[in-house]
Amino acid sequence: MYVKVVIVVTIIVICLNFNCSARLRTSDDCLRPMKKGYGLRQRTRYYYDLNMNSCLEFTYKGRGGSRNRFHSREDCEKVCLPEAINNNTN
């Protein structure tokens, strides 16, 4: 019984940290405003800034926010930079 509880708790923790319900990212996510969210966590994330045409760093607070939030600059650039958007629509 103890092993089952540990497995379930582990799965829940993983899902909370990596958003198990996440859907595939689209360029529409890049057009959403950046929102830091709420909570006590301090996580470095990246968002696409349309005016700067660049992926910039911000501190995500762990809950809420918008879908314009990526774990790495590379992930942000793959989805949001115009070259990536043009390649995804062809």
N, C-alpha and C. Protein backbone atom coordinates (compact mmCIF):
# COMPACT_ATOMS: atom_id res chain seq x y z
N MET A 1 0.82 -1.20 0.00
CA MET A 1 0.00 0.00 0.00
C MET A 1 0.87 1.26 0.00
N TYR A 2 1.91 1.27 0.81
CA TYR A 2 2.81 2.42 0.90
C TYR A 2 3.43 2.75 -0.44
N VAL A 3 3.83 1.72 -1.19
CA VAL A 3 4.45 1.92 -2.50
C VAL A 3 3.47 2.59 -3.45
N LYS A 4 2.22 2.18 -3.43
CA LYS A 4 1.20 2.78 -4.30
C LYS A 4 1.02 4.27 -3.98
N VAL A 5 1.00 4.60 -2.71
CA VAL A 5 0.84 6.00 -2.30
C VAL A 5 2.03 6.83 -2.79
N VAL A 6 3.23 6.29 -2.64
CA VAL A 6 4.43 6.99 -3.09
C VAL A 6 4.39 7.21 -4.60
N ILE A 7 3.96 6.21 -5.35
CA ILE A 7 3.87 6.34 -6.81
C ILE A 7 2.85 7.41 -7.19
N VAL A 8 1.69 7.39 -6.57
CA VAL A 8 0.65 8.38 -6.88
C VAL A 8 1.13 9.79 -6.54
N VAL A 9 1.74 9.96 -5.39
CA VAL A 9 2.25 11.28 -5.00
C VAL A 9 3.33 11.74 -5.97
N THR A 10 4.20 10.84 -6.38
CA THR A 10 5.26 11.19 -7.34
C THR A 10 4.65 11.66 -8.66
N ILE A 11 3.66 10.96 -9.15
CA ILE A 11 3.00 11.34 -10.41
C ILE A 11 2.34 12.71 -10.26
N ILE A 12 1.70 12.96 -9.15
CA ILE A 12 1.06 14.26 -8.94
C ILE A 12 2.10 15.38 -8.93
N VAL A 13 3.21 15.16 -8.24
CA VAL A 13 4.26 16.18 -8.19
C VAL A 13 4.82 16.45 -9.58
N ILE A 14 5.05 15.40 -10.35
CA ILE A 14 5.55 15.57 -11.72
C ILE A 14 4.56 16.36 -12.55
N CYS A 15 3.28 16.03 -12.46
CA CYS A 15 2.27 16.75 -13.24
C CYS A 15 2.18 18.21 -12.83
N LEU A 16 2.30 18.50 -11.57
CA LEU A 16 2.25 19.90 -11.13
C LEU A 16 3.44 20.69 -11.64
N ASN A 17 4.59 20.05 -11.74
CA ASN A 17 5.80 20.75 -12.20
C ASN A 17 5.88 20.86 -13.70
N PHE A 18 5.30 19.93 -14.43
CA PHE A 18 5.46 19.92 -15.88
C PHE A 18 4.15 20.06 -16.63
N ASN A 19 3.06 20.36 -15.96
CA ASN A 19 1.76 20.60 -16.58
C ASN A 19 1.38 19.45 -17.52
N CYS A 20 0.99 18.33 -16.94
CA CYS A 20 0.66 17.14 -17.71
C CYS A 20 -0.48 17.36 -18.70
N SER A 21 -1.30 18.35 -18.44
CA SER A 21 -2.43 18.59 -19.34
C SER A 21 -2.08 19.60 -20.44
N ALA A 22 -0.82 19.93 -20.57
CA ALA A 22 -0.42 20.94 -21.57
C ALA A 22 -0.79 20.50 -22.97
N ARG A 23 -1.26 21.44 -23.76
CA ARG A 23 -1.58 21.14 -25.16
C ARG A 23 -0.43 21.60 -26.03
N LEU A 24 -0.47 21.22 -27.27
CA LEU A 24 0.57 21.61 -28.21
C LEU A 24 0.59 23.14 -28.34
N ARG A 25 1.77 23.71 -28.33
CA ARG A 25 1.92 25.16 -28.44
C ARG A 25 1.69 25.62 -29.87
N THR A 26 1.07 26.80 -30.01
CA THR A 26 0.87 27.39 -31.33
C THR A 26 1.36 28.83 -31.30
N SER A 27 1.52 29.41 -32.47
CA SER A 27 1.97 30.80 -32.54
C SER A 27 0.96 31.76 -31.91
N ASP A 28 -0.30 31.35 -31.78
CA ASP A 28 -1.30 32.20 -31.10
C ASP A 28 -0.91 32.44 -29.64
N ASP A 29 -0.25 31.46 -29.02
CA ASP A 29 0.19 31.63 -27.63
C ASP A 29 1.16 32.81 -27.51
N CYS A 30 1.94 33.05 -28.54
CA CYS A 30 2.95 34.11 -28.53
C CYS A 30 2.33 35.50 -28.51
N LEU A 31 1.10 35.62 -28.97
CA LEU A 31 0.44 36.92 -29.05
C LEU A 31 -0.27 37.29 -27.75
N ARG A 32 -0.36 36.37 -26.84
CA ARG A 32 -1.00 36.64 -25.55
C ARG A 32 -0.08 37.52 -24.70
N PRO A 33 -0.64 38.32 -23.81
CA PRO A 33 0.21 39.14 -22.95
C PRO A 33 0.97 38.27 -21.95
N MET A 34 2.14 38.72 -21.56
CA MET A 34 2.90 38.01 -20.53
C MET A 34 2.24 38.32 -19.19
N LYS A 35 2.02 37.28 -18.41
CA LYS A 35 1.48 37.45 -17.06
C LYS A 35 2.34 36.63 -16.11
N LYS A 36 2.79 37.26 -15.05
CA LYS A 36 3.68 36.58 -14.09
C LYS A 36 2.97 35.52 -13.27
N GLY A 37 1.65 35.55 -13.24
CA GLY A 37 0.91 34.60 -12.44
C GLY A 37 0.90 34.99 -10.97
N TYR A 38 0.58 34.02 -10.14
CA TYR A 38 0.52 34.26 -8.70
C TYR A 38 1.08 33.04 -7.98
N GLY A 39 1.38 33.19 -6.74
CA GLY A 39 1.93 32.09 -5.95
C GLY A 39 3.28 32.47 -5.37
N LEU A 40 3.90 31.50 -4.72
CA LEU A 40 5.14 31.76 -4.01
C LEU A 40 6.38 31.29 -4.76
N ARG A 41 6.21 30.58 -5.83
CA ARG A 41 7.37 30.07 -6.57
C ARG A 41 8.05 31.19 -7.34
N GLN A 42 9.30 31.00 -7.59
CA GLN A 42 10.08 31.94 -8.40
C GLN A 42 10.77 31.12 -9.49
N ARG A 43 10.16 31.02 -10.66
CA ARG A 43 10.68 30.21 -11.76
C ARG A 43 11.07 31.11 -12.93
N THR A 44 12.25 30.89 -13.46
CA THR A 44 12.66 31.63 -14.65
C THR A 44 11.94 31.02 -15.85
N ARG A 45 11.25 31.86 -16.59
CA ARG A 45 10.55 31.45 -17.80
C ARG A 45 10.81 32.51 -18.87
N TYR A 46 10.32 32.24 -20.07
CA TYR A 46 10.53 33.13 -21.20
C TYR A 46 9.20 33.39 -21.89
N TYR A 47 9.04 34.60 -22.40
CA TYR A 47 7.84 34.97 -23.14
C TYR A 47 8.26 35.69 -24.41
N TYR A 48 7.37 35.68 -25.39
CA TYR A 48 7.64 36.38 -26.64
C TYR A 48 7.10 37.80 -26.54
N ASP A 49 7.96 38.77 -26.84
CA ASP A 49 7.59 40.18 -26.86
C ASP A 49 7.48 40.61 -28.32
N LEU A 50 6.26 40.88 -28.76
CA LEU A 50 6.01 41.22 -30.16
C LEU A 50 6.74 42.49 -30.57
N ASN A 51 6.78 43.49 -29.71
CA ASN A 51 7.45 44.76 -30.04
C ASN A 51 8.95 44.59 -30.22
N MET A 52 9.56 43.73 -29.41
CA MET A 52 11.01 43.49 -29.49
C MET A 52 11.34 42.37 -30.47
N ASN A 53 10.32 41.63 -30.91
CA ASN A 53 10.51 40.46 -31.77
C ASN A 53 11.57 39.53 -31.17
N SER A 54 11.39 39.27 -29.87
CA SER A 54 12.39 38.51 -29.14
C SER A 54 11.74 37.77 -27.97
N CYS A 55 12.39 36.72 -27.54
CA CYS A 55 11.96 36.00 -26.35
C CYS A 55 12.74 36.52 -25.15
N LEU A 56 12.02 36.99 -24.15
CA LEU A 56 12.63 37.63 -22.99
C LEU A 56 12.35 36.84 -21.71
N GLU A 57 13.23 36.99 -20.76
CA GLU A 57 13.13 36.30 -19.48
C GLU A 57 12.19 37.03 -18.53
N PHE A 58 11.46 36.27 -17.72
CA PHE A 58 10.68 36.85 -16.63
C PHE A 58 10.59 35.83 -15.50
N THR A 59 10.12 36.27 -14.35
CA THR A 59 9.96 35.38 -13.21
C THR A 59 8.50 34.99 -13.09
N TYR A 60 8.24 33.69 -13.24
CA TYR A 60 6.89 33.14 -13.13
C TYR A 60 6.67 32.70 -11.69
N LYS A 61 5.49 33.00 -11.16
CA LYS A 61 5.21 32.73 -9.75
C LYS A 61 4.58 31.37 -9.49
N GLY A 62 4.40 30.56 -10.52
CA GLY A 62 4.00 29.17 -10.29
C GLY A 62 2.58 28.80 -10.62
N ARG A 63 1.65 29.75 -10.63
CA ARG A 63 0.26 29.43 -10.93
C ARG A 63 -0.33 30.53 -11.79
N GLY A 64 -1.33 30.15 -12.60
CA GLY A 64 -1.99 31.14 -13.45
C GLY A 64 -1.08 31.63 -14.55
N GLY A 65 -1.24 32.86 -14.94
CA GLY A 65 -0.45 33.42 -16.02
C GLY A 65 -1.10 33.16 -17.37
N SER A 66 -0.35 33.35 -18.42
CA SER A 66 -0.88 33.11 -19.77
C SER A 66 -0.07 32.01 -20.45
N ARG A 67 -0.51 31.61 -21.63
CA ARG A 67 0.21 30.57 -22.37
C ARG A 67 1.45 31.12 -23.06
N ASN A 68 1.67 32.41 -23.00
CA ASN A 68 2.91 32.99 -23.52
C ASN A 68 3.97 32.83 -22.43
N ARG A 69 4.32 31.56 -22.18
CA ARG A 69 5.27 31.21 -21.11
C ARG A 69 5.96 29.92 -21.53
N PHE A 70 7.28 29.97 -21.60
CA PHE A 70 8.06 28.84 -22.08
C PHE A 70 9.17 28.51 -21.09
N HIS A 71 9.53 27.25 -21.00
CA HIS A 71 10.58 26.81 -20.07
C HIS A 71 11.96 27.31 -20.47
N SER A 72 12.20 27.48 -21.75
CA SER A 72 13.52 27.92 -22.21
C SER A 72 13.37 28.94 -23.33
N ARG A 73 14.42 29.71 -23.54
CA ARG A 73 14.43 30.67 -24.65
C ARG A 73 14.29 29.92 -25.98
N GLU A 74 14.96 28.77 -26.07
CA GLU A 74 14.91 27.98 -27.30
C GLU A 74 13.49 27.52 -27.61
N ASP A 75 12.75 27.07 -26.59
CA ASP A 75 11.36 26.66 -26.81
C ASP A 75 10.53 27.84 -27.31
N CYS A 76 10.72 29.00 -26.71
CA CYS A 76 10.00 30.20 -27.11
C CYS A 76 10.31 30.56 -28.56
N GLU A 77 11.58 30.53 -28.90
CA GLU A 77 11.99 30.90 -30.26
C GLU A 77 11.46 29.91 -31.30
N LYS A 78 11.41 28.64 -30.97
CA LYS A 78 10.91 27.63 -31.91
C LYS A 78 9.46 27.91 -32.28
N VAL A 79 8.67 28.37 -31.32
CA VAL A 79 7.25 28.58 -31.55
C VAL A 79 6.95 29.99 -32.04
N CYS A 80 7.67 30.98 -31.53
CA CYS A 80 7.24 32.37 -31.70
C CYS A 80 7.97 33.22 -32.73
N LEU A 81 9.20 32.91 -33.03
CA LEU A 81 9.91 33.77 -33.98
C LEU A 81 9.31 33.62 -35.37
N PRO A 82 9.23 34.70 -36.14
CA PRO A 82 8.58 34.65 -37.45
C PRO A 82 9.09 33.53 -38.35
N GLU A 83 10.39 33.23 -38.30
CA GLU A 83 10.90 32.15 -39.14
C GLU A 83 10.26 30.83 -38.75
N ALA A 84 10.10 30.60 -37.45
CA ALA A 84 9.48 29.37 -36.98
C ALA A 84 8.01 29.32 -37.35
N ILE A 85 7.33 30.46 -37.24
CA ILE A 85 5.91 30.51 -37.59
C ILE A 85 5.73 30.22 -39.08
N ASN A 86 6.56 30.82 -39.91
CA ASN A 86 6.47 30.57 -41.35
C ASN A 86 6.75 29.11 -41.68
N ASN A 87 7.70 28.50 -41.00
CA ASN A 87 8.01 27.09 -41.26
C ASN A 87 6.88 26.18 -40.79
N ASN A 88 6.16 26.55 -39.74
CA ASN A 88 5.07 25.72 -39.23
C ASN A 88 3.82 25.80 -40.08
N THR A 89 3.67 26.86 -40.86
CA THR A 89 2.46 27.01 -41.67
C THR A 89 2.62 26.45 -43.07
N ASN A 90 3.83 26.08 -43.45
CA ASN A 90 4.06 25.54 -44.80
C ASN A 90 3.80 24.06 -44.84
